[in-house]
Amino acid sequence: MSIRTFLTLIGCAALTIAINSDSAQAARTAHSALRVHCLKQVGAYYNPGNRTWRFYGARSSPQRQNFYNCLDAHTMKRR
C-alpha cells in the first residue's frame, strides 16, 4: 500500500467522522422529538415489536392530516 493511498484513506475516515458529528446527531434528535410529539398529539399508537408508529384508519384519515398539520405548525418558515 502506497503512502498516498494510506493518506487518502485517513482523509476519508476523518471526513466521515466530521460529517457524522454531534451537530448532525442533534439535528436528527430534534426532528425525531418533534415527530414523536406530533404523533402523540394526534393519538397514533406505538408498536414496540416493530418499532413503528401506526395511525388508525386509511391513508386519508383525519388523524394523519392532523399529524402533518402539527408538523407544519412547528416548522413553518424555518428553512
C-alpha atoms as a PDB file:
ATOM      1  CA  MET A   1       0.000   0.000   0.000  1.00  0.00           C
ATOM      2  CA  SER A   2       1.464   3.335  -1.007  1.00  0.00           C
ATOM      3  CA  ILE A   3       1.604   6.353   1.249  1.00  0.00           C
ATOM      4  CA  ARG A   4      -0.843   8.297  -0.963  1.00  0.00           C
ATOM      5  CA  THR A   5      -3.428   5.544  -0.655  1.00  0.00           C
ATOM      6  CA  PHE A   6      -2.945   5.412   3.090  1.00  0.00           C
ATOM      7  CA  LEU A   7      -3.292   9.198   3.451  1.00  0.00           C
ATOM      8  CA  THR A   8      -6.392   9.172   1.259  1.00  0.00           C
ATOM      9  CA  LEU A   9      -7.994   6.536   3.469  1.00  0.00           C
ATOM     10  CA  ILE A  10      -7.133   8.545   6.585  1.00  0.00           C
ATOM     11  CA  GLY A  11      -8.626  11.683   4.982  1.00  0.00           C
ATOM     12  CA  CYS A  12     -11.829   9.858   4.052  1.00  0.00           C
ATOM     13  CA  ALA A  13     -12.151   8.497   7.574  1.00  0.00           C
ATOM     14  CA  ALA A  14     -11.681  11.982   9.063  1.00  0.00           C
ATOM     15  CA  LEU A  15     -14.281  13.420   6.689  1.00  0.00           C
ATOM     16  CA  THR A  16     -16.752  10.688   7.614  1.00  0.00           C
ATOM     17  CA  ILE A  17     -16.251  11.386  11.307  1.00  0.00           C
ATOM     18  CA  ALA A  18     -16.748  15.123  10.756  1.00  0.00           C
ATOM     19  CA  ILE A  19     -19.969  14.590   8.810  1.00  0.00           C
ATOM     20  CA  ASN A  20     -21.412  12.265  11.479  1.00  0.00           C
ATOM     21  CA  SER A  21     -20.501  14.569  14.354  1.00  0.00           C
ATOM     22  CA  ASP A  22     -22.709  15.645  17.241  1.00  0.00           C
ATOM     23  CA  SER A  23     -24.314  18.507  15.305  1.00  0.00           C
ATOM     24  CA  ALA A  24     -25.795  16.080  12.781  1.00  0.00           C
ATOM     25  CA  GLN A  25     -26.965  13.828  15.604  1.00  0.00           C
ATOM     26  CA  ALA A  26     -28.549  16.782  17.422  1.00  0.00           C
ATOM     27  CA  ALA A  27     -30.473  17.777  14.302  1.00  0.00           C
ATOM     28  CA  ARG A  28     -31.778  14.236  13.879  1.00  0.00           C
ATOM     29  CA  THR A  29     -32.739  14.058  17.546  1.00  0.00           C
ATOM     30  CA  ALA A  30     -34.642  17.354  17.405  1.00  0.00           C
ATOM     31  CA  HIS A  31     -36.514  16.216  14.305  1.00  0.00           C
ATOM     32  CA  SER A  32     -37.336  12.882  15.920  1.00  0.00           C
ATOM     33  CA  ALA A  33     -38.578  14.595  19.072  1.00  0.00           C
ATOM     34  CA  LEU A  34     -40.876  16.825  17.015  1.00  0.00           C
ATOM     35  CA  ARG A  35     -42.278  13.840  15.129  1.00  0.00           C
ATOM     36  CA  VAL A  36     -42.914  11.929  18.360  1.00  0.00           C
ATOM     37  CA  HIS A  37     -44.596  14.981  19.872  1.00  0.00           C
ATOM     38  CA  CYS A  38     -46.941  15.304  16.893  1.00  0.00           C
ATOM     39  CA  LEU A  39     -47.619  11.562  16.757  1.00  0.00           C
ATOM     40  CA  LYS A  40     -48.622  11.547  20.420  1.00  0.00           C
ATOM     41  CA  GLN A  41     -50.712  14.683  19.965  1.00  0.00           C
ATOM     42  CA  VAL A  42     -52.870  13.135  17.232  1.00  0.00           C
ATOM     43  CA  GLY A  43     -53.243   9.838  19.088  1.00  0.00           C
ATOM     44  CA  ALA A  44     -51.124   7.495  16.977  1.00  0.00           C
ATOM     45  CA  TYR A  45     -50.033   4.339  18.746  1.00  0.00           C
ATOM     46  CA  TYR A  46     -46.545   2.876  19.031  1.00  0.00           C
ATOM     47  CA  ASN A  47     -45.927  -0.756  18.136  1.00  0.00           C
ATOM     48  CA  PRO A  48     -42.856  -1.768  20.173  1.00  0.00           C
ATOM     49  CA  GLY A  49     -42.436  -5.067  18.345  1.00  0.00           C
ATOM     50  CA  ASN A  50     -41.868  -3.343  15.001  1.00  0.00           C
ATOM     51  CA  ARG A  51     -40.657  -0.044  16.498  1.00  0.00           C
ATOM     52  CA  THR A  52     -43.111   1.886  14.347  1.00  0.00           C
ATOM     53  CA  TRP A  53     -45.923   4.355  14.866  1.00  0.00           C
ATOM     54  CA  ARG A  54     -49.366   3.490  13.474  1.00  0.00           C
ATOM     55  CA  PHE A  55     -52.375   5.570  12.578  1.00  0.00           C
ATOM     56  CA  TYR A  56     -55.938   4.371  12.837  1.00  0.00           C
ATOM     57  CA  GLY A  57     -57.850   4.297   9.563  1.00  0.00           C
ATOM     58  CA  ALA A  58     -56.926   4.794   5.939  1.00  0.00           C
ATOM     59  CA  ARG A  59     -54.196   6.934   4.401  1.00  0.00           C
ATOM     60  CA  SER A  60     -56.561   9.868   4.034  1.00  0.00           C
ATOM     61  CA  SER A  61     -57.775   9.750   7.633  1.00  0.00           C
ATOM     62  CA  PRO A  62     -58.175  12.971   9.613  1.00  0.00           C
ATOM     63  CA  GLN A  63     -55.657  11.657  12.135  1.00  0.00           C
ATOM     64  CA  ARG A  64     -52.908  11.539   9.507  1.00  0.00           C
ATOM     65  CA  GLN A  65     -53.811  15.005   8.224  1.00  0.00           C
ATOM     66  CA  ASN A  66     -53.691  16.389  11.769  1.00  0.00           C
ATOM     67  CA  PHE A  67     -50.192  14.908  12.136  1.00  0.00           C
ATOM     68  CA  TYR A  68     -48.981  16.807   9.069  1.00  0.00           C
ATOM     69  CA  ASN A  69     -50.757  19.956  10.263  1.00  0.00           C
ATOM     70  CA  CYS A  70     -48.882  19.644  13.564  1.00  0.00           C
ATOM     71  CA  LEU A  71     -45.540  19.284  11.763  1.00  0.00           C
ATOM     72  CA  ASP A  72     -46.332  22.303   9.597  1.00  0.00           C
ATOM     73  CA  ALA A  73     -47.313  24.385  12.611  1.00  0.00           C
ATOM     74  CA  HIS A  74     -43.995  23.695  14.355  1.00  0.00           C
ATOM     75  CA  THR A  75     -41.737  24.073  11.309  1.00  0.00           C
ATOM     76  CA  MET A  76     -43.395  26.950   9.468  1.00  0.00           C
ATOM     77  CA  LYS A  77     -40.816  29.354   7.906  1.00  0.00           C
ATOM     78  CA  ARG A  78     -37.759  27.612   9.397  1.00  0.00           C
ATOM     79  CA  ARG A  79     -35.971  26.711   6.167  1.00  0.00           C
END
